[in-house]
Amino acid sequence: MNQEQNTVLNKNSQGYLAVHRLAKEYPKWIPVVRACLREARRVKGDFAGAWVLQEAKKEGVQWFPNLRILASYGILQRTDVTRAGRRAYYIMPDIDGVEKALNELK
């Protein structure tokens, strides 16, 4: 696959399209998506929403209720719930597409 074909695939990926849609509809969530991307790259697997909050604070986000909106857009996928249902875990199925979209939004 050449570079042009790879670029077209990235721009049609679920994560790429979802981030652009989120940026139009809820732009204040983009720093949270950036934090999710960093956490997904760091752990290379499931990560907790609470961990994302710690990362998001570096971008000036002090609080968000949960990550359900990102799961509803398809940016994240919920994988597990623990601690008596108080901590949700997520994966980012399309890390490359999300990263490409975030780089374009800078």
PDB file of N, CA and C in Angstrom:
ATOM      1  N   MET A   1       0.855  -1.177   0.000  1.00  0.00           N
ATOM      2  CA  MET A   1       0.000   0.000   0.000  1.00  0.00           C
ATOM      3  C   MET A   1       0.899   1.238   0.000  1.00  0.00           C
ATOM      4  N   ASN A   2       0.625   2.175  -0.907  1.00  0.00           N
ATOM      5  CA  ASN A   2       1.454   3.365  -0.966  1.00  0.00           C
ATOM      6  C   ASN A   2       0.942   4.431   0.005  1.00  0.00           C
ATOM      7  N   GLN A   3       1.692   5.516   0.155  1.00  0.00           N
ATOM      8  CA  GLN A   3       1.372   6.585   1.110  1.00  0.00           C
ATOM      9  C   GLN A   3       0.011   7.215   0.829  1.00  0.00           C
ATOM     10  N   GLU A   4      -0.321   7.443  -0.432  1.00  0.00           N
ATOM     11  CA  GLU A   4      -1.598   8.073  -0.787  1.00  0.00           C
ATOM     12  C   GLU A   4      -2.777   7.181  -0.381  1.00  0.00           C
ATOM     13  N   GLN A   5      -2.664   5.886  -0.640  1.00  0.00           N
ATOM     14  CA  GLN A   5      -3.731   4.957  -0.254  1.00  0.00           C
ATOM     15  C   GLN A   5      -3.877   4.906   1.263  1.00  0.00           C
ATOM     16  N   ASN A   6      -2.752   4.920   1.986  1.00  0.00           N
ATOM     17  CA  ASN A   6      -2.770   4.892   3.438  1.00  0.00           C
ATOM     18  C   ASN A   6      -3.443   6.149   3.994  1.00  0.00           C
ATOM     19  N   THR A   7      -3.164   7.318   3.410  1.00  0.00           N
ATOM     20  CA  THR A   7      -3.777   8.572   3.838  1.00  0.00           C
ATOM     21  C   THR A   7      -5.281   8.533   3.623  1.00  0.00           C
ATOM     22  N   VAL A   8      -5.730   8.023   2.490  1.00  0.00           N
ATOM     23  CA  VAL A   8      -7.163   7.929   2.212  1.00  0.00           C
ATOM     24  C   VAL A   8      -7.829   7.005   3.226  1.00  0.00           C
ATOM     25  N   LEU A   9      -7.186   5.870   3.537  1.00  0.00           N
ATOM     26  CA  LEU A   9      -7.755   4.950   4.523  1.00  0.00           C
ATOM     27  C   LEU A   9      -7.870   5.621   5.890  1.00  0.00           C
ATOM     28  N   ASN A  10      -6.841   6.349   6.320  1.00  0.00           N
ATOM     29  CA  ASN A  10      -6.885   7.029   7.610  1.00  0.00           C
ATOM     30  C   ASN A  10      -8.019   8.045   7.665  1.00  0.00           C
ATOM     31  N   LYS A  11      -8.247   8.754   6.560  1.00  0.00           N
ATOM     32  CA  LYS A  11      -9.273   9.787   6.547  1.00  0.00           C
ATOM     33  C   LYS A  11     -10.679   9.208   6.472  1.00  0.00           C
ATOM     34  N   ASN A  12     -10.795   7.924   6.199  1.00  0.00           N
ATOM     35  CA  ASN A  12     -12.099   7.270   6.190  1.00  0.00           C
ATOM     36  C   ASN A  12     -12.279   6.364   7.399  1.00  0.00           C
ATOM     37  N   SER A  13     -11.328   6.374   8.301  1.00  0.00           N
ATOM     38  CA  SER A  13     -11.420   5.492   9.457  1.00  0.00           C
ATOM     39  C   SER A  13     -12.423   6.037  10.467  1.00  0.00           C
ATOM     40  N   GLN A  14     -12.943   5.149  11.269  1.00  0.00           N
ATOM     41  CA  GLN A  14     -13.952   5.523  12.256  1.00  0.00           C
ATOM     42  C   GLN A  14     -13.421   6.576  13.231  1.00  0.00           C
ATOM     43  N   GLY A  15     -12.231   6.371  13.748  1.00  0.00           N
ATOM     44  CA  GLY A  15     -11.661   7.318  14.709  1.00  0.00           C
ATOM     45  C   GLY A  15     -11.441   8.687  14.112  1.00  0.00           C
ATOM     46  N   TYR A  16     -10.925   8.720  12.896  1.00  0.00           N
ATOM     47  CA  TYR A  16     -10.668   9.991  12.215  1.00  0.00           C
ATOM     48  C   TYR A  16     -11.961  10.769  12.025  1.00  0.00           C
ATOM     49  N   LEU A  17     -12.964  10.108  11.470  1.00  0.00           N
ATOM     50  CA  LEU A  17     -14.240  10.775  11.211  1.00  0.00           C
ATOM     51  C   LEU A  17     -14.929  11.187  12.509  1.00  0.00           C
ATOM     52  N   ALA A  18     -14.851  10.337  13.525  1.00  0.00           N
ATOM     53  CA  ALA A  18     -15.495  10.640  14.804  1.00  0.00           C
ATOM     54  C   ALA A  18     -14.877  11.856  15.471  1.00  0.00           C
ATOM     55  N   VAL A  19     -13.563  11.980  15.425  1.00  0.00           N
ATOM     56  CA  VAL A  19     -12.902  13.135  16.047  1.00  0.00           C
ATOM     57  C   VAL A  19     -13.300  14.422  15.332  1.00  0.00           C
ATOM     58  N   HIS A  20     -13.351  14.393  14.024  1.00  0.00           N
ATOM     59  CA  HIS A  20     -13.761  15.602  13.294  1.00  0.00           C
ATOM     60  C   HIS A  20     -15.214  15.968  13.602  1.00  0.00           C
ATOM     61  N   ARG A  21     -16.062  14.967  13.715  1.00  0.00           N
ATOM     62  CA  ARG A  21     -17.469  15.241  14.058  1.00  0.00           C
ATOM     63  C   ARG A  21     -17.575  15.811  15.480  1.00  0.00           C
ATOM     64  N   LEU A  22     -16.849  15.225  16.407  1.00  0.00           N
ATOM     65  CA  LEU A  22     -16.840  15.709  17.786  1.00  0.00           C
ATOM     66  C   LEU A  22     -16.316  17.142  17.859  1.00  0.00           C
ATOM     67  N   ALA A  23     -15.280  17.439  17.089  1.00  0.00           N
ATOM     68  CA  ALA A  23     -14.700  18.784  17.094  1.00  0.00           C
ATOM     69  C   ALA A  23     -15.710  19.831  16.650  1.00  0.00           C
ATOM     70  N   LYS A  24     -16.581  19.470  15.731  1.00  0.00           N
ATOM     71  CA  LYS A  24     -17.619  20.407  15.273  1.00  0.00           C
ATOM     72  C   LYS A  24     -18.735  20.550  16.295  1.00  0.00           C
ATOM     73  N   GLU A  25     -19.131  19.431  16.902  1.00  0.00           N
ATOM     74  CA  GLU A  25     -20.292  19.420  17.781  1.00  0.00           C
ATOM     75  C   GLU A  25     -19.956  19.723  19.243  1.00  0.00           C
ATOM     76  N   TYR A  26     -18.809  19.274  19.717  1.00  0.00           N
ATOM     77  CA  TYR A  26     -18.393  19.460  21.109  1.00  0.00           C
ATOM     78  C   TYR A  26     -16.890  19.757  21.175  1.00  0.00           C
ATOM     79  N   PRO A  27     -16.457  20.908  20.690  1.00  0.00           N
ATOM     80  CA  PRO A  27     -15.017  21.196  20.625  1.00  0.00           C
ATOM     81  C   PRO A  27     -14.301  21.184  21.980  1.00  0.00           C
ATOM     82  N   LYS A  28     -15.014  21.415  23.062  1.00  0.00           N
ATOM     83  CA  LYS A  28     -14.370  21.421  24.380  1.00  0.00           C
ATOM     84  C   LYS A  28     -13.886  20.031  24.801  1.00  0.00           C
ATOM     85  N   TRP A  29     -14.334  18.989  24.094  1.00  0.00           N
ATOM     86  CA  TRP A  29     -13.921  17.628  24.421  1.00  0.00           C
ATOM     87  C   TRP A  29     -12.608  17.224  23.737  1.00  0.00           C
ATOM     88  N   ILE A  30     -12.108  18.031  22.827  1.00  0.00           N
ATOM     89  CA  ILE A  30     -10.881  17.669  22.098  1.00  0.00           C
ATOM     90  C   ILE A  30      -9.679  17.498  23.031  1.00  0.00           C
ATOM     91  N   PRO A  31      -9.472  18.367  24.041  1.00  0.00           N
ATOM     92  CA  PRO A  31      -8.362  18.094  24.971  1.00  0.00           C
ATOM     93  C   PRO A  31      -8.507  16.756  25.701  1.00  0.00           C
ATOM     94  N   VAL A  32      -9.721  16.330  25.967  1.00  0.00           N
ATOM     95  CA  VAL A  32      -9.946  15.038  26.613  1.00  0.00           C
ATOM     96  C   VAL A  32      -9.577  13.909  25.650  1.00  0.00           C
ATOM     97  N   VAL A  33      -9.901  14.076  24.369  1.00  0.00           N
ATOM     98  CA  VAL A  33      -9.519  13.068  23.370  1.00  0.00           C
ATOM     99  C   VAL A  33      -7.997  12.974  23.296  1.00  0.00           C
ATOM    100  N   ARG A  34      -7.327  14.121  23.344  1.00  0.00           N
ATOM    101  CA  ARG A  34      -5.850  14.106  23.332  1.00  0.00           C
ATOM    102  C   ARG A  34      -5.310  13.337  24.538  1.00  0.00           C
ATOM    103  N   ALA A  35      -5.915  13.563  25.693  1.00  0.00           N
ATOM    104  CA  ALA A  35      -5.500  12.847  26.900  1.00  0.00           C
ATOM    105  C   ALA A  35      -5.753  11.352  26.754  1.00  0.00           C
ATOM    106  N   CYS A  36      -6.878  10.981  26.171  1.00  0.00           N
ATOM    107  CA  CYS A  36      -7.185   9.564  25.929  1.00  0.00           C
ATOM    108  C   CYS A  36      -6.154   8.939  24.998  1.00  0.00           C
ATOM    109  N   LEU A  37      -5.775   9.664  23.970  1.00  0.00           N
ATOM    110  CA  LEU A  37      -4.780   9.151  23.023  1.00  0.00           C
ATOM    111  C   LEU A  37      -3.452   8.898  23.725  1.00  0.00           C
ATOM    112  N   ARG A  38      -3.017   9.857  24.547  1.00  0.00           N
ATOM    113  CA  ARG A  38      -1.755   9.665  25.271  1.00  0.00           C
ATOM    114  C   ARG A  38      -1.841   8.447  26.199  1.00  0.00           C
ATOM    115  N   GLU A  39      -2.971   8.311  26.872  1.00  0.00           N
ATOM    116  CA  GLU A  39      -3.140   7.186  27.792  1.00  0.00           C
ATOM    117  C   GLU A  39      -3.196   5.862  27.023  1.00  0.00           C
ATOM    118  N   ALA A  40      -3.883   5.833  25.901  1.00  0.00           N
ATOM    119  CA  ALA A  40      -3.964   4.620  25.081  1.00  0.00           C
ATOM    120  C   ALA A  40      -2.578   4.214  24.584  1.00  0.00           C
ATOM    121  N   ARG A  41      -1.780   5.179  24.177  1.00  0.00           N
ATOM    122  CA  ARG A  41      -0.414   4.879  23.725  1.00  0.00           C
ATOM    123  C   ARG A  41       0.450   4.394  24.886  1.00  0.00           C
ATOM    124  N   ARG A  42       0.261   5.001  26.063  1.00  0.00           N
ATOM    125  CA  ARG A  42       1.086   4.661  27.226  1.00  0.00           C
ATOM    126  C   ARG A  42       0.818   3.235  27.709  1.00  0.00           C
ATOM    127  N   VAL A  43      -0.455   2.859  27.845  1.00  0.00           N
ATOM    128  CA  VAL A  43      -0.778   1.552  28.431  1.00  0.00           C
ATOM    129  C   VAL A  43      -0.880   0.433  27.410  1.00  0.00           C
ATOM    130  N   LYS A  44      -1.091   0.798  26.141  1.00  0.00           N
ATOM    131  CA  LYS A  44      -1.216  -0.204  25.068  1.00  0.00           C
ATOM    132  C   LYS A  44      -2.293  -1.242  25.396  1.00  0.00           C
ATOM    133  N   GLY A  45      -3.419  -0.766  25.904  1.00  0.00           N
ATOM    134  CA  GLY A  45      -4.527  -1.653  26.251  1.00  0.00           C
ATOM    135  C   GLY A  45      -5.619  -0.870  26.949  1.00  0.00           C
ATOM    136  N   ASP A  46      -6.306  -1.524  27.877  1.00  0.00           N
ATOM    137  CA  ASP A  46      -7.397  -0.882  28.613  1.00  0.00           C
ATOM    138  C   ASP A  46      -6.871   0.207  29.539  1.00  0.00           C
ATOM    139  N   PHE A  47      -7.627   1.280  29.635  1.00  0.00           N
ATOM    140  CA  PHE A  47      -7.280   2.347  30.573  1.00  0.00           C
ATOM    141  C   PHE A  47      -8.551   2.866  31.231  1.00  0.00           C
ATOM    142  N   ALA A  48      -8.395   3.377  32.439  1.00  0.00           N
ATOM    143  CA  ALA A  48      -9.529   3.867  33.219  1.00  0.00           C
ATOM    144  C   ALA A  48      -9.790   5.336  32.920  1.00  0.00           C
ATOM    145  N   GLY A  49     -11.063   5.704  32.984  1.00  0.00           N
ATOM    146  CA  GLY A  49     -11.426   7.102  32.810  1.00  0.00           C
ATOM    147  C   GLY A  49     -10.740   7.996  33.826  1.00  0.00           C
ATOM    148  N   ALA A  50     -10.550   7.506  35.042  1.00  0.00           N
ATOM    149  CA  ALA A  50      -9.870   8.283  36.085  1.00  0.00           C
ATOM    150  C   ALA A  50      -8.433   8.602  35.689  1.00  0.00           C
ATOM    151  N   TRP A  51      -7.794   7.689  34.990  1.00  0.00           N
ATOM    152  CA  TRP A  51      -6.427   7.940  34.537  1.00  0.00           C
ATOM    153  C   TRP A  51      -6.411   9.041  33.492  1.00  0.00           C
ATOM    154  N   VAL A  52      -7.429   9.059  32.645  1.00  0.00           N
ATOM    155  CA  VAL A  52      -7.526  10.095  31.606  1.00  0.00           C
ATOM    156  C   VAL A  52      -7.679  11.463  32.245  1.00  0.00           C
ATOM    157  N   LEU A  53      -8.447  11.548  33.325  1.00  0.00           N
ATOM    158  CA  LEU A  53      -8.621  12.836  33.997  1.00  0.00           C
ATOM    159  C   LEU A  53      -7.276  13.388  34.453  1.00  0.00           C
ATOM    160  N   GLN A  54      -6.433  12.546  35.012  1.00  0.00           N
ATOM    161  CA  GLN A  54      -5.105  13.004  35.442  1.00  0.00           C
ATOM    162  C   GLN A  54      -4.301  13.545  34.256  1.00  0.00           C
ATOM    163  N   GLU A  55      -4.410  12.872  33.132  1.00  0.00           N
ATOM    164  CA  GLU A  55      -3.708  13.311  31.918  1.00  0.00           C
ATOM    165  C   GLU A  55      -4.337  14.590  31.366  1.00  0.00           C
ATOM    166  N   ALA A  56      -5.655  14.694  31.412  1.00  0.00           N
ATOM    167  CA  ALA A  56      -6.370  15.860  30.876  1.00  0.00           C
ATOM    168  C   ALA A  56      -6.074  17.123  31.683  1.00  0.00           C
ATOM    169  N   LYS A  57      -5.767  16.956  32.940  1.00  0.00           N
ATOM    170  CA  LYS A  57      -5.436  18.128  33.768  1.00  0.00           C
ATOM    171  C   LYS A  57      -4.208  18.854  33.224  1.00  0.00           C
ATOM    172  N   LYS A  58      -3.344  18.136  32.538  1.00  0.00           N
ATOM    173  CA  LYS A  58      -2.166  18.753  31.910  1.00  0.00           C
ATOM    174  C   LYS A  58      -2.572  19.694  30.782  1.00  0.00           C
ATOM    175  N   GLU A  59      -3.782  19.505  30.239  1.00  0.00           N
ATOM    176  CA  GLU A  59      -4.304  20.354  29.158  1.00  0.00           C
ATOM    177  C   GLU A  59      -5.258  21.417  29.695  1.00  0.00           C
ATOM    178  N   GLY A  60      -5.360  21.512  31.024  1.00  0.00           N
ATOM    179  CA  GLY A  60      -6.226  22.516  31.611  1.00  0.00           C
ATOM    180  C   GLY A  60      -7.644  22.064  31.887  1.00  0.00           C
ATOM    181  N   VAL A  61      -7.953  20.799  31.620  1.00  0.00           N
ATOM    182  CA  VAL A  61      -9.289  20.268  31.902  1.00  0.00           C
ATOM    183  C   VAL A  61      -9.309  19.865  33.377  1.00  0.00           C
ATOM    184  N   GLN A  62     -10.195  20.462  34.145  1.00  0.00           N
ATOM    185  CA  GLN A  62     -10.244  20.160  35.569  1.00  0.00           C
ATOM    186  C   GLN A  62     -11.161  18.993  35.908  1.00  0.00           C
ATOM    187  N   TRP A  63     -12.186  18.768  35.074  1.00  0.00           N
ATOM    188  CA  TRP A  63     -13.145  17.719  35.383  1.00  0.00           C
ATOM    189  C   TRP A  63     -13.992  17.428  34.153  1.00  0.00           C
ATOM    190  N   PHE A  64     -14.448  16.201  34.019  1.00  0.00           N
ATOM    191  CA  PHE A  64     -15.483  15.818  33.063  1.00  0.00           C
ATOM    192  C   PHE A  64     -16.264  14.685  33.714  1.00  0.00           C
ATOM    193  N   PRO A  65     -17.546  14.557  33.409  1.00  0.00           N
ATOM    194  CA  PRO A  65     -18.371  13.590  34.138  1.00  0.00           C
ATOM    195  C   PRO A  65     -18.000  12.130  33.873  1.00  0.00           C
ATOM    196  N   ASN A  66     -17.715  11.788  32.649  1.00  0.00           N
ATOM    197  CA  ASN A  66     -17.337  10.430  32.255  1.00  0.00           C
ATOM    198  C   ASN A  66     -16.958  10.476  30.777  1.00  0.00           C
ATOM    199  N   LEU A  67     -16.620   9.341  30.237  1.00  0.00           N
ATOM    200  CA  LEU A  67     -16.184   9.280  28.838  1.00  0.00           C
ATOM    201  C   LEU A  67     -17.246   8.680  27.916  1.00  0.00           C
ATOM    202  N   ARG A  68     -18.463   8.624  28.372  1.00  0.00           N
ATOM    203  CA  ARG A  68     -19.532   8.021  27.562  1.00  0.00           C
ATOM    204  C   ARG A  68     -19.717   8.718  26.223  1.00  0.00           C
ATOM    205  N   ILE A  69     -19.560  10.038  26.199  1.00  0.00           N
ATOM    206  CA  ILE A  69     -19.741  10.755  24.923  1.00  0.00           C
ATOM    207  C   ILE A  69     -18.719  10.273  23.896  1.00  0.00           C
ATOM    208  N   LEU A  70     -17.495  10.024  24.336  1.00  0.00           N
ATOM    209  CA  LEU A  70     -16.463   9.557  23.394  1.00  0.00           C
ATOM    210  C   LEU A  70     -16.760   8.136  22.937  1.00  0.00           C
ATOM    211  N   ALA A  71     -17.332   7.331  23.811  1.00  0.00           N
ATOM    212  CA  ALA A  71     -17.744   5.977  23.410  1.00  0.00           C
ATOM    213  C   ALA A  71     -18.914   6.050  22.437  1.00  0.00           C
ATOM    214  N   SER A  72     -19.826   6.983  22.647  1.00  0.00           N
ATOM    215  CA  SER A  72     -20.982   7.094  21.748  1.00  0.00           C
ATOM    216  C   SER A  72     -20.563   7.542  20.348  1.00  0.00           C
ATOM    217  N   TYR A  73     -19.485   8.305  20.242  1.00  0.00           N
ATOM    218  CA  TYR A  73     -18.966   8.726  18.942  1.00  0.00           C
ATOM    219  C   TYR A  73     -18.104   7.645  18.299  1.00  0.00           C
ATOM    220  N   GLY A  74     -17.731   6.630  19.046  1.00  0.00           N
ATOM    221  CA  GLY A  74     -16.896   5.560  18.507  1.00  0.00           C
ATOM    222  C   GLY A  74     -15.411   5.806  18.661  1.00  0.00           C
ATOM    223  N   ILE A  75     -15.048   6.855  19.379  1.00  0.00           N
ATOM    224  CA  ILE A  75     -13.630   7.153  19.607  1.00  0.00           C
ATOM    225  C   ILE A  75     -13.060   6.170  20.619  1.00  0.00           C
ATOM    226  N   LEU A  76     -13.849   5.837  21.621  1.00  0.00           N
ATOM    227  CA  LEU A  76     -13.475   4.854  22.625  1.00  0.00           C
ATOM    228  C   LEU A  76     -14.482   3.711  22.602  1.00  0.00           C
ATOM    229  N   GLN A  77     -14.081   2.610  23.176  1.00  0.00           N
ATOM    230  CA  GLN A  77     -14.974   1.470  23.349  1.00  0.00           C
ATOM    231  C   GLN A  77     -14.842   1.017  24.808  1.00  0.00           C
ATOM    232  N   ARG A  78     -15.971   0.939  25.496  1.00  0.00           N
ATOM    233  CA  ARG A  78     -15.956   0.520  26.897  1.00  0.00           C
ATOM    234  C   ARG A  78     -15.710  -0.985  26.962  1.00  0.00           C
ATOM    235  N   THR A  79     -14.790  -1.394  27.854  1.00  0.00           N
ATOM    236  CA  THR A  79     -14.423  -2.797  27.922  1.00  0.00           C
ATOM    237  C   THR A  79     -14.792  -3.457  29.243  1.00  0.00           C
ATOM    238  N   ASP A  80     -14.807  -2.700  30.328  1.00  0.00           N
ATOM    239  CA  ASP A  80     -15.007  -3.317  31.636  1.00  0.00           C
ATOM    240  C   ASP A  80     -15.421  -2.260  32.645  1.00  0.00           C
ATOM    241  N   VAL A  81     -16.013  -2.722  33.739  1.00  0.00           N
ATOM    242  CA  VAL A  81     -16.357  -1.860  34.869  1.00  0.00           C
ATOM    243  C   VAL A  81     -15.950  -2.597  36.130  1.00  0.00           C
ATOM    244  N   THR A  82     -15.255  -1.891  37.032  1.00  0.00           N
ATOM    245  CA  THR A  82     -14.850  -2.507  38.290  1.00  0.00           C
ATOM    246  C   THR A  82     -15.113  -1.536  39.433  1.00  0.00           C
ATOM    247  N   ARG A  83     -14.629  -1.902  40.593  1.00  0.00           N
ATOM    248  CA  ARG A  83     -14.818  -1.110  41.811  1.00  0.00           C
ATOM    249  C   ARG A  83     -16.284  -0.818  42.056  1.00  0.00           C
ATOM    250  N   ALA A  84     -17.038  -1.867  42.131  1.00  0.00           N
ATOM    251  CA  ALA A  84     -18.481  -1.762  42.392  1.00  0.00           C
ATOM    252  C   ALA A  84     -19.185  -0.881  41.368  1.00  0.00           C
ATOM    253  N   GLY A  85     -18.721  -0.949  40.119  1.00  0.00           N
ATOM    254  CA  GLY A  85     -19.363  -0.183  39.055  1.00  0.00           C
ATOM    255  C   GLY A  85     -18.951   1.261  38.986  1.00  0.00           C
ATOM    256  N   ARG A  86     -17.933   1.643  39.710  1.00  0.00           N
ATOM    257  CA  ARG A  86     -17.520   3.053  39.766  1.00  0.00           C
ATOM    258  C   ARG A  86     -16.377   3.410  38.828  1.00  0.00           C
ATOM    259  N   ARG A  87     -15.689   2.437  38.283  1.00  0.00           N
ATOM    260  CA  ARG A  87     -14.575   2.734  37.387  1.00  0.00           C
ATOM    261  C   ARG A  87     -14.758   1.984  36.083  1.00  0.00           C
ATOM    262  N   ALA A  88     -14.865   2.741  35.004  1.00  0.00           N
ATOM    263  CA  ALA A  88     -15.017   2.155  33.674  1.00  0.00           C
ATOM    264  C   ALA A  88     -13.657   2.124  32.980  1.00  0.00           C
ATOM    265  N   TYR A  89     -13.451   1.079  32.209  1.00  0.00           N
ATOM    266  CA  TYR A  89     -12.232   0.931  31.420  1.00  0.00           C
ATOM    267  C   TYR A  89     -12.575   0.982  29.942  1.00  0.00           C
ATOM    268  N   TYR A  90     -11.662   1.521  29.161  1.00  0.00           N
ATOM    269  CA  TYR A  90     -11.885   1.756  27.741  1.00  0.00           C
ATOM    270  C   TYR A  90     -10.662   1.342  26.941  1.00  0.00           C
ATOM    271  N   ILE A  91     -10.890   1.125  25.649  1.00  0.00           N
ATOM    272  CA  ILE A  91      -9.806   1.022  24.670  1.00  0.00           C
ATOM    273  C   ILE A  91     -10.109   2.030  23.567  1.00  0.00           C
ATOM    274  N   MET A  92      -9.087   2.359  22.809  1.00  0.00           N
ATOM    275  CA  MET A  92      -9.243   3.235  21.645  1.00  0.00           C
ATOM    276  C   MET A  92      -9.000   2.360  20.415  1.00  0.00           C
ATOM    277  N   PRO A  93     -10.089   1.936  19.729  1.00  0.00           N
ATOM    278  CA  PRO A  93      -9.946   0.983  18.630  1.00  0.00           C
ATOM    279  C   PRO A  93      -9.171   1.507  17.419  1.00  0.00           C
ATOM    280  N   ASP A  94      -9.195   2.812  17.174  1.00  0.00           N
ATOM    281  CA  ASP A  94      -8.548   3.376  15.984  1.00  0.00           C
ATOM    282  C   ASP A  94      -7.571   4.482  16.392  1.00  0.00           C
ATOM    283  N   ILE A  95      -6.505   4.091  17.054  1.00  0.00           N
ATOM    284  CA  ILE A  95      -5.525   5.060  17.559  1.00  0.00           C
ATOM    285  C   ILE A  95      -4.952   5.893  16.425  1.00  0.00           C
ATOM    286  N   ASP A  96      -4.587   5.268  15.322  1.00  0.00           N
ATOM    287  CA  ASP A  96      -3.966   5.999  14.213  1.00  0.00           C
ATOM    288  C   ASP A  96      -4.909   7.033  13.605  1.00  0.00           C
ATOM    289  N   GLY A  97      -6.166   6.665  13.409  1.00  0.00           N
ATOM    290  CA  GLY A  97      -7.140   7.610  12.854  1.00  0.00           C
ATOM    291  C   GLY A  97      -7.393   8.784  13.779  1.00  0.00           C
ATOM    292  N   VAL A  98      -7.506   8.502  15.074  1.00  0.00           N
ATOM    293  CA  VAL A  98      -7.702   9.569  16.067  1.00  0.00           C
ATOM    294  C   VAL A  98      -6.506  10.507  16.063  1.00  0.00           C
ATOM    295  N   GLU A  99      -5.315   9.946  16.050  1.00  0.00           N
ATOM    296  CA  GLU A  99      -4.098  10.764  16.066  1.00  0.00           C
ATOM    297  C   GLU A  99      -4.009  11.649  14.822  1.00  0.00           C
ATOM    298  N   LYS A 100      -4.326  11.101  13.659  1.00  0.00           N
ATOM    299  CA  LYS A 100      -4.278  11.873  12.416  1.00  0.00           C
ATOM    300  C   LYS A 100      -5.250  13.049  12.492  1.00  0.00           C
ATOM    301  N   ALA A 101      -6.465  12.803  12.968  1.00  0.00           N
ATOM    302  CA  ALA A 101      -7.463  13.866  13.062  1.00  0.00           C
ATOM    303  C   ALA A 101      -7.014  14.934  14.060  1.00  0.00           C
ATOM    304  N   LEU A 102      -6.490  14.524  15.201  1.00  0.00           N
ATOM    305  CA  LEU A 102      -6.023  15.503  16.198  1.00  0.00           C
ATOM    306  C   LEU A 102      -4.881  16.342  15.666  1.00  0.00           C
ATOM    307  N   ASN A 103      -3.978  15.732  14.914  1.00  0.00           N
ATOM    308  CA  ASN A 103      -2.867  16.483  14.321  1.00  0.00           C
ATOM    309  C   ASN A 103      -3.376  17.532  13.336  1.00  0.00           C
ATOM    310  N   GLU A 104      -4.426  17.215  12.610  1.00  0.00           N
ATOM    311  CA  GLU A 104      -4.996  18.179  11.663  1.00  0.00           C
ATOM    312  C   GLU A 104      -5.716  19.322  12.377  1.00  0.00           C
ATOM    313  N   LEU A 105      -6.228  19.073  13.566  1.00  0.00           N
ATOM    314  CA  LEU A 105      -6.984  20.093  14.296  1.00  0.00           C
ATOM    315  C   LEU A 105      -6.094  21.093  15.022  1.00  0.00           C
ATOM    316  N   LYS A 106      -4.816  20.832  15.129  1.00  0.00           N
ATOM    317  CA  LYS A 106      -3.910  21.746  15.855  1.00  0.00           C
ATOM    318  C   LYS A 106      -3.857  23.110  15.244  1.00  0.00           C
TER     319      LYS A 106
END
